N, C-alpha and C. Protein backbone atom coordinates (compact mmCIF):
# COMPACT_ATOMS: atom_id res chain seq x y z
N MET A 1 15.15 4.19 2.34
CA MET A 1 14.32 5.45 3.13
C MET A 1 15.23 6.09 3.98
N THR A 2 15.21 7.49 3.94
CA THR A 2 16.00 8.31 4.96
C THR A 2 15.18 8.67 6.03
N ILE A 3 15.60 8.55 7.28
CA ILE A 3 14.78 8.86 8.45
C ILE A 3 15.06 10.30 8.76
N ASP A 4 13.95 11.18 8.77
CA ASP A 4 14.08 12.59 8.98
C ASP A 4 13.97 12.87 10.52
N GLN A 5 14.91 13.20 11.12
CA GLN A 5 14.91 13.29 12.50
C GLN A 5 14.00 14.47 12.96
N THR A 6 13.73 15.44 12.15
CA THR A 6 12.67 16.36 12.54
C THR A 6 11.09 15.66 12.74
N VAL A 7 10.90 14.65 11.74
CA VAL A 7 9.72 13.93 11.93
C VAL A 7 9.73 13.16 13.27
N VAL A 8 10.91 12.57 13.67
CA VAL A 8 10.92 11.67 14.81
C VAL A 8 10.67 12.71 15.95
N LEU A 9 11.35 13.84 16.06
CA LEU A 9 11.12 14.75 17.06
C LEU A 9 9.74 15.27 17.19
N ALA A 10 9.02 15.43 15.99
CA ALA A 10 7.60 15.90 16.03
C ALA A 10 6.80 14.77 16.67
N ILE A 11 6.98 13.53 16.27
CA ILE A 11 6.31 12.54 16.85
C ILE A 11 6.48 12.31 18.37
N MET A 12 7.73 12.49 18.72
CA MET A 12 8.07 12.45 20.23
C MET A 12 7.46 13.48 21.00
N GLY A 13 7.24 14.58 20.41
CA GLY A 13 6.80 15.75 21.21
C GLY A 13 5.31 16.10 20.97
N ILE A 14 4.53 15.22 20.44
CA ILE A 14 3.11 15.24 20.07
C ILE A 14 2.26 15.91 21.39
N ALA A 15 1.43 16.66 21.06
CA ALA A 15 0.55 17.28 22.11
C ALA A 15 1.09 17.89 23.34
N GLY A 16 2.46 18.25 23.21
CA GLY A 16 2.97 18.84 24.28
C GLY A 16 3.64 17.93 25.39
N ILE A 17 2.89 16.83 25.66
CA ILE A 17 3.38 15.90 26.56
C ILE A 17 4.32 14.87 26.06
N GLY A 18 4.07 14.43 24.87
CA GLY A 18 4.96 13.53 24.24
C GLY A 18 4.58 12.05 24.40
N VAL A 19 5.42 11.25 23.60
CA VAL A 19 5.20 9.90 23.55
C VAL A 19 5.64 9.29 25.01
N LEU A 20 6.67 9.86 25.61
CA LEU A 20 7.19 9.35 26.91
C LEU A 20 6.20 9.67 28.04
N GLY A 21 5.72 10.94 27.97
CA GLY A 21 4.49 11.18 28.97
C GLY A 21 3.34 10.33 28.89
N PHE A 22 2.98 10.12 27.72
CA PHE A 22 1.74 9.27 27.56
C PHE A 22 1.96 7.86 28.02
N THR A 23 3.12 7.29 27.53
CA THR A 23 3.66 5.93 27.86
C THR A 23 3.59 5.80 29.42
N GLN A 24 4.17 6.81 30.03
CA GLN A 24 4.39 6.69 31.60
C GLN A 24 3.07 6.71 32.27
N MET A 25 2.17 7.75 31.71
CA MET A 25 0.86 7.87 32.47
C MET A 25 0.00 6.47 32.23
N ILE A 26 0.03 5.89 31.03
CA ILE A 26 -0.64 4.50 30.84
C ILE A 26 -0.03 3.51 31.63
N LYS A 27 1.29 3.41 31.76
CA LYS A 27 1.97 2.29 32.41
C LYS A 27 1.61 2.40 33.96
N GLN A 28 1.55 3.56 34.47
CA GLN A 28 1.38 3.76 35.98
C GLN A 28 -0.23 3.38 36.10
N TRP A 29 -0.92 3.97 35.22
CA TRP A 29 -2.52 3.71 35.44
C TRP A 29 -2.86 2.27 35.45
N LEU A 30 -2.03 1.49 34.49
CA LEU A 30 -2.36 -0.07 34.40
C LEU A 30 -1.46 -0.83 35.26
N LYS A 31 -0.44 -0.25 35.81
CA LYS A 31 0.59 -0.81 36.90
C LYS A 31 1.26 -1.83 36.12
N ALA A 32 1.67 -1.52 34.84
CA ALA A 32 2.30 -2.33 33.91
C ALA A 32 3.88 -2.31 34.08
N SER A 33 4.58 -3.58 33.85
CA SER A 33 5.93 -3.67 33.80
C SER A 33 6.39 -4.70 32.90
N GLY A 34 7.62 -4.86 32.55
CA GLY A 34 8.17 -5.83 31.68
C GLY A 34 7.63 -5.73 30.35
N ILE A 35 7.20 -6.84 29.82
CA ILE A 35 6.81 -6.98 28.43
C ILE A 35 5.59 -6.21 28.23
N ALA A 36 4.67 -6.18 29.21
CA ALA A 36 3.44 -5.25 29.02
C ALA A 36 3.78 -3.81 28.94
N ALA A 37 4.73 -3.37 29.53
CA ALA A 37 5.29 -1.92 29.51
C ALA A 37 5.77 -1.62 28.05
N LYS A 38 6.55 -2.60 27.49
CA LYS A 38 6.99 -2.47 26.14
C LYS A 38 5.94 -2.41 25.22
N ALA A 39 4.93 -3.30 25.34
CA ALA A 39 3.79 -3.29 24.42
C ALA A 39 3.02 -2.06 24.50
N ILE A 40 2.88 -1.43 25.67
CA ILE A 40 2.21 -0.02 25.87
C ILE A 40 2.98 1.04 25.13
N SER A 41 4.38 0.86 25.28
CA SER A 41 5.16 1.85 24.61
C SER A 41 5.16 1.81 23.05
N LEU A 42 5.00 0.44 22.57
CA LEU A 42 4.91 0.24 21.10
C LEU A 42 3.56 0.65 20.53
N ALA A 43 2.53 0.56 21.25
CA ALA A 43 1.24 0.99 20.90
C ALA A 43 1.08 2.46 20.94
N VAL A 44 1.71 3.18 21.86
CA VAL A 44 1.58 4.61 21.91
C VAL A 44 2.43 5.20 20.72
N SER A 45 3.69 4.53 20.58
CA SER A 45 4.50 4.98 19.45
C SER A 45 3.90 4.95 18.15
N ALA A 46 3.15 3.74 17.96
CA ALA A 46 2.49 3.46 16.73
C ALA A 46 1.29 4.52 16.46
N GLY A 47 0.59 4.78 17.49
CA GLY A 47 -0.49 5.78 17.42
C GLY A 47 0.01 7.19 17.17
N ALA A 48 0.99 7.51 17.86
CA ALA A 48 1.53 8.88 17.66
C ALA A 48 2.29 8.98 16.23
N THR A 49 2.94 7.86 15.82
CA THR A 49 3.38 7.89 14.42
C THR A 49 2.15 8.08 13.33
N ALA A 50 1.22 7.41 13.51
CA ALA A 50 0.27 7.29 12.52
C ALA A 50 -0.38 8.78 12.54
N PHE A 51 -0.57 9.29 13.68
CA PHE A 51 -1.28 10.57 13.80
C PHE A 51 -0.48 11.70 13.10
N VAL A 52 0.86 11.70 13.34
CA VAL A 52 1.64 12.73 12.68
C VAL A 52 1.84 12.45 11.21
N LEU A 53 2.00 11.26 10.72
CA LEU A 53 2.13 10.93 9.24
C LEU A 53 0.88 11.36 8.44
N VAL A 54 -0.38 10.92 9.13
CA VAL A 54 -1.60 11.33 8.43
C VAL A 54 -1.75 12.79 8.45
N GLN A 55 -1.51 13.56 9.53
CA GLN A 55 -1.64 14.98 9.62
C GLN A 55 -0.77 15.67 8.55
N SER A 56 0.39 15.07 8.38
CA SER A 56 1.40 15.77 7.39
C SER A 56 1.14 15.44 6.11
N ALA A 57 0.15 14.48 5.82
CA ALA A 57 -0.12 13.80 4.48
C ALA A 57 1.01 13.16 3.92
N THR A 58 1.87 12.38 4.70
CA THR A 58 3.08 11.63 4.23
C THR A 58 2.92 10.22 4.62
N PHE A 59 1.72 9.77 5.10
CA PHE A 59 1.58 8.25 5.36
C PHE A 59 1.82 7.34 4.33
N SER A 60 2.52 6.40 4.57
CA SER A 60 2.80 5.22 3.80
C SER A 60 3.09 4.20 4.77
N TRP A 61 2.89 2.95 4.37
CA TRP A 61 3.14 1.82 5.32
C TRP A 61 4.59 1.65 5.76
N VAL A 62 5.38 1.92 4.83
CA VAL A 62 6.85 1.84 5.10
C VAL A 62 7.29 2.81 6.01
N ALA A 63 6.81 4.02 5.86
CA ALA A 63 7.19 5.26 6.66
C ALA A 63 6.57 4.76 8.12
N PHE A 64 5.45 4.37 8.13
CA PHE A 64 4.63 3.98 9.40
C PHE A 64 5.54 3.03 10.20
N VAL A 65 5.94 1.97 9.59
CA VAL A 65 6.76 0.96 10.22
C VAL A 65 8.07 1.44 10.63
N VAL A 66 8.85 2.13 9.80
CA VAL A 66 10.05 2.62 9.96
C VAL A 66 10.06 3.69 11.21
N TYR A 67 9.15 4.64 11.05
CA TYR A 67 9.09 5.70 12.14
C TYR A 67 8.54 5.06 13.57
N THR A 68 7.67 4.15 13.48
CA THR A 68 7.20 3.44 14.62
C THR A 68 8.35 2.84 15.30
N ILE A 69 9.21 2.15 14.65
CA ILE A 69 10.31 1.43 15.16
C ILE A 69 11.27 2.48 15.77
N VAL A 70 11.68 3.48 15.16
CA VAL A 70 12.46 4.54 15.62
C VAL A 70 11.95 5.17 16.88
N VAL A 71 10.63 5.70 16.83
CA VAL A 71 10.07 6.27 18.00
C VAL A 71 10.12 5.23 19.20
N PHE A 72 9.75 4.13 18.97
CA PHE A 72 9.69 3.09 20.03
C PHE A 72 11.19 3.00 20.52
N LEU A 73 12.22 2.93 19.72
CA LEU A 73 13.52 2.80 20.39
C LEU A 73 13.97 3.99 21.08
N GLU A 74 13.61 5.06 20.50
CA GLU A 74 13.80 6.52 21.16
C GLU A 74 13.12 6.56 22.50
N ALA A 75 11.92 6.14 22.58
CA ALA A 75 11.00 6.32 23.93
C ALA A 75 11.62 5.37 24.81
N ASN A 76 12.24 4.28 24.42
CA ASN A 76 12.83 3.50 25.46
C ASN A 76 14.35 3.50 25.71
N GLY A 77 14.99 4.59 25.27
CA GLY A 77 16.40 4.95 25.32
C GLY A 77 17.25 4.22 24.68
N LEU A 78 16.90 3.60 23.58
CA LEU A 78 17.89 2.53 22.73
C LEU A 78 18.24 3.41 21.56
N TYR A 79 17.73 4.55 21.14
CA TYR A 79 18.11 5.28 19.99
C TYR A 79 18.06 6.81 20.32
N ARG A 80 18.92 7.60 19.83
CA ARG A 80 18.75 9.03 20.16
C ARG A 80 18.66 9.82 18.82
N ALA A 81 17.58 10.51 18.70
CA ALA A 81 17.34 11.43 17.61
C ALA A 81 17.95 12.67 17.81
N LYS A 82 18.80 13.13 16.72
CA LYS A 82 19.42 14.36 16.88
C LYS A 82 19.19 15.18 15.64
N GLN A 83 18.90 16.45 15.70
CA GLN A 83 18.54 17.26 14.53
C GLN A 83 20.16 17.81 14.09
N LYS A 84 20.23 17.81 12.77
CA LYS A 84 21.43 18.34 12.20
C LYS A 84 21.46 19.86 12.31
N PRO A 85 22.65 20.39 12.61
CA PRO A 85 22.70 21.72 12.79
C PRO A 85 22.27 22.57 11.32
N ALA A 86 21.68 23.66 11.56
CA ALA A 86 21.20 24.53 10.48
C ALA A 86 22.33 25.02 9.70
């Protein structure tokens, strides 16, 4: 499976505030840190991924798992999504 960076960027920027913004808001609201913060990030990443894949009618379990992992890594600074130049 090829990872489409435009899909990753669409998931990351969902609803204008993005995965990072939602994650930070929830972590601050719950005063979470450590593993709890990572779990929140994973949950937000999974929700955003499912939303985008369902909306674009490209949902499959393989795509869901792969994009959730990529978005989670991107949201935590462990992976960097880059668009290819046009």
